[in-house]
Amino acid sequence: MSAPTPTMVYIGLGDGSGGGYGGNQGDGMDNGDFTTYAGPVYVYAPGECIEVAGETVVSDYYNSGSVLCG
Protein backbone atom coordinates (compact mmCIF):
# COMPACT_ATOMS: atom_id res chain seq x y z
CA MET A 1 0.00 0.00 0.00
CA SER A 2 1.25 3.48 -0.82
CA ALA A 3 1.98 6.11 1.80
CA PRO A 4 -0.60 8.87 2.35
CA THR A 5 0.17 12.12 0.51
CA PRO A 6 -1.33 15.61 0.86
CA THR A 7 -4.25 15.86 -1.57
CA MET A 8 -7.05 18.40 -2.07
CA VAL A 9 -10.28 18.48 -4.07
CA TYR A 10 -12.71 21.40 -4.24
CA ILE A 11 -16.06 22.16 -5.87
CA GLY A 12 -18.07 25.36 -5.50
CA LEU A 13 -20.28 27.88 -7.23
CA GLY A 14 -18.41 29.59 -10.05
CA ASP A 15 -18.36 33.36 -10.30
CA GLY A 16 -17.02 33.39 -13.85
CA SER A 17 -13.65 34.84 -12.87
CA GLY A 18 -11.70 31.57 -12.92
CA GLY A 19 -9.67 33.08 -10.13
CA GLY A 20 -9.40 30.05 -7.90
CA TYR A 21 -11.33 28.36 -5.16
CA GLY A 22 -12.75 29.45 -1.84
CA GLY A 23 -15.16 32.00 -0.54
CA ASN A 24 -18.20 31.05 -2.62
CA GLN A 25 -21.51 30.08 -1.05
CA GLY A 26 -22.05 26.30 -1.06
CA ASP A 27 -18.39 25.24 -1.30
CA GLY A 28 -17.26 21.69 -0.69
CA MET A 29 -13.65 20.78 0.03
CA ASP A 30 -11.76 17.71 1.17
CA ASN A 31 -8.14 18.31 2.13
CA GLY A 32 -5.80 15.92 3.92
CA ASP A 33 -3.40 12.99 3.60
CA PHE A 34 -4.84 10.20 1.44
CA THR A 35 -3.53 6.96 -0.08
CA THR A 36 -5.85 7.12 -3.12
CA TYR A 37 -7.85 10.32 -3.62
CA ALA A 38 -9.69 13.12 -1.81
CA GLY A 39 -13.46 13.44 -1.94
CA PRO A 40 -16.15 13.02 -2.84
CA VAL A 41 -17.34 16.61 -2.49
CA TYR A 42 -20.68 18.05 -3.53
CA VAL A 43 -22.32 21.41 -4.19
CA TYR A 44 -25.98 22.10 -4.90
CA ALA A 45 -25.99 24.40 -7.94
CA PRO A 46 -29.09 24.10 -10.16
CA GLY A 47 -28.86 26.63 -12.99
CA GLU A 48 -25.42 27.84 -11.83
CA CYS A 49 -21.83 27.48 -12.99
CA ILE A 50 -19.43 25.51 -10.82
CA GLU A 51 -15.65 25.53 -10.36
CA VAL A 52 -13.60 22.45 -9.57
CA ALA A 53 -10.01 22.38 -8.36
CA GLY A 54 -7.49 19.85 -7.11
CA GLU A 55 -3.91 19.52 -5.99
CA THR A 56 -1.45 16.82 -4.95
CA VAL A 57 2.22 16.85 -4.01
CA VAL A 58 3.06 15.04 -7.26
CA SER A 59 1.17 17.42 -9.57
CA ASP A 60 0.51 21.13 -9.82
CA TYR A 61 -2.65 22.86 -8.70
CA TYR A 62 -5.51 22.67 -11.19
CA ASN A 63 -8.54 24.98 -11.37
CA SER A 64 -11.17 24.49 -14.06
CA GLY A 65 -12.60 27.99 -13.97
CA SER A 66 -16.38 28.09 -14.41
CA VAL A 67 -17.74 24.94 -16.05
CA LEU A 68 -21.02 23.06 -16.49
CA CYS A 69 -23.02 26.29 -16.62
CA GLY A 70 -26.76 26.07 -16.82
C-alpha atoms as a PDB file:
ATOM      1  CA  MET A   1       0.000   0.000   0.000  1.00  0.00           C
ATOM      2  CA  SER A   2       1.248   3.479  -0.821  1.00  0.00           C
ATOM      3  CA  ALA A   3       1.978   6.108   1.804  1.00  0.00           C
ATOM      4  CA  PRO A   4      -0.601   8.872   2.347  1.00  0.00           C
ATOM      5  CA  THR A   5       0.174  12.117   0.513  1.00  0.00           C
ATOM      6  CA  PRO A   6      -1.326  15.614   0.860  1.00  0.00           C
ATOM      7  CA  THR A   7      -4.252  15.858  -1.570  1.00  0.00           C
ATOM      8  CA  MET A   8      -7.052  18.398  -2.065  1.00  0.00           C
ATOM      9  CA  VAL A   9     -10.284  18.479  -4.069  1.00  0.00           C
ATOM     10  CA  TYR A  10     -12.713  21.402  -4.236  1.00  0.00           C
ATOM     11  CA  ILE A  11     -16.062  22.164  -5.865  1.00  0.00           C
ATOM     12  CA  GLY A  12     -18.068  25.359  -5.504  1.00  0.00           C
ATOM     13  CA  LEU A  13     -20.278  27.881  -7.231  1.00  0.00           C
ATOM     14  CA  GLY A  14     -18.406  29.593 -10.053  1.00  0.00           C
ATOM     15  CA  ASP A  15     -18.365  33.362 -10.298  1.00  0.00           C
ATOM     16  CA  GLY A  16     -17.015  33.387 -13.854  1.00  0.00           C
ATOM     17  CA  SER A  17     -13.647  34.838 -12.868  1.00  0.00           C
ATOM     18  CA  GLY A  18     -11.697  31.568 -12.923  1.00  0.00           C
ATOM     19  CA  GLY A  19      -9.665  33.081 -10.128  1.00  0.00           C
ATOM     20  CA  GLY A  20      -9.402  30.046  -7.898  1.00  0.00           C
ATOM     21  CA  TYR A  21     -11.334  28.357  -5.158  1.00  0.00           C
ATOM     22  CA  GLY A  22     -12.748  29.446  -1.844  1.00  0.00           C
ATOM     23  CA  GLY A  23     -15.164  31.999  -0.540  1.00  0.00           C
ATOM     24  CA  ASN A  24     -18.202  31.048  -2.619  1.00  0.00           C
ATOM     25  CA  GLN A  25     -21.515  30.085  -1.046  1.00  0.00           C
ATOM     26  CA  GLY A  26     -22.046  26.303  -1.060  1.00  0.00           C
ATOM     27  CA  ASP A  27     -18.394  25.241  -1.302  1.00  0.00           C
ATOM     28  CA  GLY A  28     -17.257  21.688  -0.686  1.00  0.00           C
ATOM     29  CA  MET A  29     -13.648  20.776   0.026  1.00  0.00           C
ATOM     30  CA  ASP A  30     -11.758  17.707   1.173  1.00  0.00           C
ATOM     31  CA  ASN A  31      -8.144  18.309   2.130  1.00  0.00           C
ATOM     32  CA  GLY A  32      -5.797  15.920   3.918  1.00  0.00           C
ATOM     33  CA  ASP A  33      -3.398  12.986   3.601  1.00  0.00           C
ATOM     34  CA  PHE A  34      -4.844  10.196   1.441  1.00  0.00           C
ATOM     35  CA  THR A  35      -3.535   6.961  -0.084  1.00  0.00           C
ATOM     36  CA  THR A  36      -5.854   7.117  -3.125  1.00  0.00           C
ATOM     37  CA  TYR A  37      -7.854  10.323  -3.623  1.00  0.00           C
ATOM     38  CA  ALA A  38      -9.689  13.117  -1.812  1.00  0.00           C
ATOM     39  CA  GLY A  39     -13.462  13.435  -1.935  1.00  0.00           C
ATOM     40  CA  PRO A  40     -16.151  13.024  -2.844  1.00  0.00           C
ATOM     41  CA  VAL A  41     -17.338  16.614  -2.492  1.00  0.00           C
ATOM     42  CA  TYR A  42     -20.678  18.052  -3.528  1.00  0.00           C
ATOM     43  CA  VAL A  43     -22.325  21.405  -4.188  1.00  0.00           C
ATOM     44  CA  TYR A  44     -25.982  22.100  -4.901  1.00  0.00           C
ATOM     45  CA  ALA A  45     -25.995  24.398  -7.938  1.00  0.00           C
ATOM     46  CA  PRO A  46     -29.088  24.100 -10.158  1.00  0.00           C
ATOM     47  CA  GLY A  47     -28.858  26.635 -12.988  1.00  0.00           C
ATOM     48  CA  GLU A  48     -25.421  27.842 -11.831  1.00  0.00           C
ATOM     49  CA  CYS A  49     -21.830  27.483 -12.994  1.00  0.00           C
ATOM     50  CA  ILE A  50     -19.429  25.511 -10.817  1.00  0.00           C
ATOM     51  CA  GLU A  51     -15.652  25.525 -10.360  1.00  0.00           C
ATOM     52  CA  VAL A  52     -13.600  22.445  -9.570  1.00  0.00           C
ATOM     53  CA  ALA A  53     -10.012  22.381  -8.362  1.00  0.00           C
ATOM     54  CA  GLY A  54      -7.490  19.851  -7.115  1.00  0.00           C
ATOM     55  CA  GLU A  55      -3.911  19.520  -5.992  1.00  0.00           C
ATOM     56  CA  THR A  56      -1.450  16.819  -4.949  1.00  0.00           C
ATOM     57  CA  VAL A  57       2.224  16.854  -4.006  1.00  0.00           C
ATOM     58  CA  VAL A  58       3.059  15.038  -7.258  1.00  0.00           C
ATOM     59  CA  SER A  59       1.170  17.419  -9.568  1.00  0.00           C
ATOM     60  CA  ASP A  60       0.511  21.130  -9.819  1.00  0.00           C
ATOM     61  CA  TYR A  61      -2.651  22.864  -8.696  1.00  0.00           C
ATOM     62  CA  TYR A  62      -5.511  22.667 -11.194  1.00  0.00           C
ATOM     63  CA  ASN A  63      -8.543  24.975 -11.366  1.00  0.00           C
ATOM     64  CA  SER A  64     -11.169  24.491 -14.057  1.00  0.00           C
ATOM     65  CA  GLY A  65     -12.600  27.991 -13.971  1.00  0.00           C
ATOM     66  CA  SER A  66     -16.384  28.090 -14.407  1.00  0.00           C
ATOM     67  CA  VAL A  67     -17.740  24.936 -16.055  1.00  0.00           C
ATOM     68  CA  LEU A  68     -21.023  23.058 -16.492  1.00  0.00           C
ATOM     69  CA  CYS A  69     -23.018  26.287 -16.616  1.00  0.00           C
ATOM     70  CA  GLY A  70     -26.765  26.073 -16.818  1.00  0.00           C
END
